Each structure stands twice: as structure tokens, then as C-alpha cells.
Amino acid sequence: MDEKKLPLRERAYAVATGGTYDYVKSDYVREGELWRVELHSFENKTGARGTARAYIETRGWDHWVWEQTSPSEDTLYWSEEAVYIRSGERLCIRQATCTSGDELELLITGYVIYGSGGQIP
């Protein structure tokens, strides 16, 4: 199969439980797909809390992408660095010291690449 690219727009939303860490996570990349994430953003819509970290959840370990200390309430934080996510992986944000009920949102823009066999071009 020839390689094919289609637009990717993904939204993940979570309501914090107020633990040490709370998470908002994308869907897993499906078999036969490769995501080229060109922009992703994070927002805690309801609170200014502890450090937020973006990472790729891989098979057995996490690959950290960026960190924002003391993010402000209702403020958008983003990365325009391209990130490749292979099948079986997903993009996640971990935020420390959330209050129960905090609204966390992750937005992803990029491409789904089909026919690459999950290999980074």
C-alpha cells in the first residue's frame, strides 16, 4: 500500500480526581497508523496547579516531550515541535496537584500516516 496522509484533529478531555497526579490522554494510535503531531496544546480550564508534563506513553516507558511549571488557570500551553507517535502509543499530559473537578483538555493537530508500517519516515 502506498503511504497516505490524512488530517488529524484529536481532542481529549478529563476531569481531575484530585490525586497527586491527574492525566488527560489521547486515544491510542491504531495498528497500521503513524501520527505526526505538528501542534499539541494543553489547558487546565479551572485551576492554576503544579507542573504539567507532556509525554508519549510507549510500551513500558514514557518519553517526556516538555514541561511547564506552575501553569496558570484557563491558559493555553502548546508545543509546535513535531512529535511522531507509533501504533500502540499515545500522547498524554500529567499535571501535579490538581483539585478534584479541574477540567483538563489536550488538543492535537497533525497527520495520520497510513502505509508506513508504523515507521517514522
Protein backbone atom coordinates (compact mmCIF):
# COMPACT_ATOMS: atom_id res chain seq x y z
CA MET A 1 0.00 0.00 0.00
CA ASP A 2 1.26 3.47 -0.83
CA GLU A 3 1.78 5.86 2.03
CA LYS A 4 -1.22 8.14 2.55
CA LYS A 5 -1.56 11.19 4.85
CA LEU A 6 -4.87 12.40 6.23
CA PRO A 7 -5.53 15.33 8.61
CA LEU A 8 -5.57 14.55 12.33
CA ARG A 9 -7.53 16.56 14.87
CA GLU A 10 -7.94 14.94 18.25
CA ARG A 11 -9.43 16.25 21.50
CA ALA A 12 -9.01 14.55 24.85
CA TYR A 13 -10.80 15.74 27.95
CA ALA A 14 -10.60 14.63 31.57
CA VAL A 15 -11.99 15.73 34.93
CA ALA A 16 -9.36 15.54 37.67
CA THR A 17 -9.92 13.41 40.75
CA GLY A 18 -7.51 15.45 42.87
CA GLY A 19 -4.75 12.89 43.29
CA THR A 20 -1.01 13.51 43.34
CA TYR A 21 -1.14 13.45 39.53
CA ASP A 22 -4.05 13.72 37.12
CA TYR A 23 -3.91 12.85 33.44
CA VAL A 24 -5.50 13.67 30.12
CA LYS A 25 -4.61 11.18 27.36
CA SER A 26 -5.26 10.85 23.64
CA ASP A 27 -6.57 7.69 22.07
CA TYR A 28 -4.01 5.01 21.29
CA VAL A 29 -2.66 5.12 17.76
CA ARG A 30 -4.21 2.20 15.90
CA GLU A 31 -2.27 -0.59 14.19
CA GLY A 32 -1.04 0.48 10.74
CA GLU A 33 -1.07 4.18 11.64
CA LEU A 34 1.64 6.67 12.48
CA TRP A 35 0.70 10.08 13.89
CA ARG A 36 2.79 13.12 13.01
CA VAL A 37 1.64 15.62 15.64
CA GLU A 38 2.59 19.09 14.45
CA LEU A 39 0.94 21.04 17.26
CA HIS A 40 -0.50 19.96 20.58
CA SER A 41 -1.84 22.11 23.38
CA PHE A 42 -2.92 21.69 26.98
CA GLU A 43 -5.21 23.71 29.21
CA ASN A 44 -6.43 23.38 32.79
CA LYS A 45 -9.65 25.30 32.35
CA THR A 46 -10.43 25.66 36.06
CA GLY A 47 -7.24 25.92 38.10
CA ALA A 48 -3.65 27.07 38.38
CA ARG A 49 -1.83 23.97 39.57
CA GLY A 50 1.53 22.25 39.82
CA THR A 51 3.82 21.22 37.00
CA ALA A 52 2.32 19.91 33.74
CA ARG A 53 4.35 17.44 31.64
CA ALA A 54 3.62 16.15 28.14
CA TYR A 55 4.86 12.70 27.23
CA ILE A 56 4.43 9.85 24.81
CA GLU A 57 3.21 6.74 26.62
CA THR A 58 5.15 3.96 24.92
CA ARG A 59 5.49 0.25 25.51
CA GLY A 60 6.93 0.09 29.01
CA TRP A 61 8.40 3.58 29.43
CA ASP A 62 7.45 7.22 28.91
CA HIS A 63 9.19 9.65 26.55
CA TRP A 64 8.95 13.19 28.02
CA VAL A 65 8.30 15.95 25.48
CA TRP A 66 8.00 19.19 27.53
CA GLU A 67 7.35 20.57 31.00
CA GLN A 68 5.55 23.71 32.18
CA THR A 69 5.97 24.72 35.82
CA SER A 70 3.04 26.41 37.57
CA PRO A 71 0.69 26.75 34.59
CA SER A 72 -1.98 29.42 35.01
CA GLU A 73 -5.71 28.79 35.06
CA ASP A 74 -7.53 28.90 31.71
CA THR A 75 -4.26 29.46 29.83
CA LEU A 76 -3.27 27.53 26.74
CA TYR A 77 0.21 25.94 26.65
CA TRP A 78 1.47 24.36 23.45
CA SER A 79 4.33 22.83 21.53
CA GLU A 80 4.92 23.29 17.82
CA GLU A 81 7.69 20.68 17.72
CA ALA A 82 6.74 17.72 15.54
CA VAL A 83 6.22 14.53 17.53
CA TYR A 84 5.78 11.07 15.98
CA ILE A 85 3.55 8.61 17.79
CA ARG A 86 3.58 4.97 16.66
CA SER A 87 0.83 2.37 16.86
CA GLY A 88 0.14 1.28 20.43
CA GLU A 89 1.35 4.62 21.83
CA ARG A 90 -0.49 7.79 22.84
CA LEU A 91 0.15 11.41 23.81
CA CYS A 92 -0.51 12.30 27.47
CA ILE A 93 -0.37 15.27 29.83
CA ARG A 94 0.31 14.73 33.54
CA GLN A 95 -0.43 17.59 35.91
CA ALA A 96 0.54 17.64 39.56
CA THR A 97 -1.67 18.68 42.49
CA CYS A 98 -4.97 19.14 40.68
CA THR A 99 -8.11 19.79 42.67
CA SER A 100 -10.99 17.38 42.23
CA GLY A 101 -13.14 18.71 39.39
CA ASP A 102 -10.37 20.52 37.46
CA GLU A 103 -11.11 20.31 33.72
CA LEU A 104 -8.10 19.22 31.63
CA GLU A 105 -8.01 19.40 27.83
CA LEU A 106 -5.48 18.17 25.26
CA LEU A 107 -5.80 19.21 21.61
CA ILE A 108 -3.78 17.59 18.80
CA THR A 109 -3.31 18.71 15.20
CA GLY A 110 -1.27 16.91 12.57
CA TYR A 111 -1.47 13.96 10.18
CA VAL A 112 -2.27 10.29 10.33
CA ILE A 113 0.14 8.45 8.03
CA TYR A 114 -1.12 5.14 6.66
CA GLY A 115 1.07 2.58 4.94
CA SER A 116 4.30 3.45 6.76
CA GLY A 117 4.21 0.24 8.78
CA GLY A 118 4.41 2.42 11.91
CA GLN A 119 7.94 3.53 10.92
CA ILE A 120 8.99 7.15 11.18
CA PRO A 121 9.73 8.45 7.64
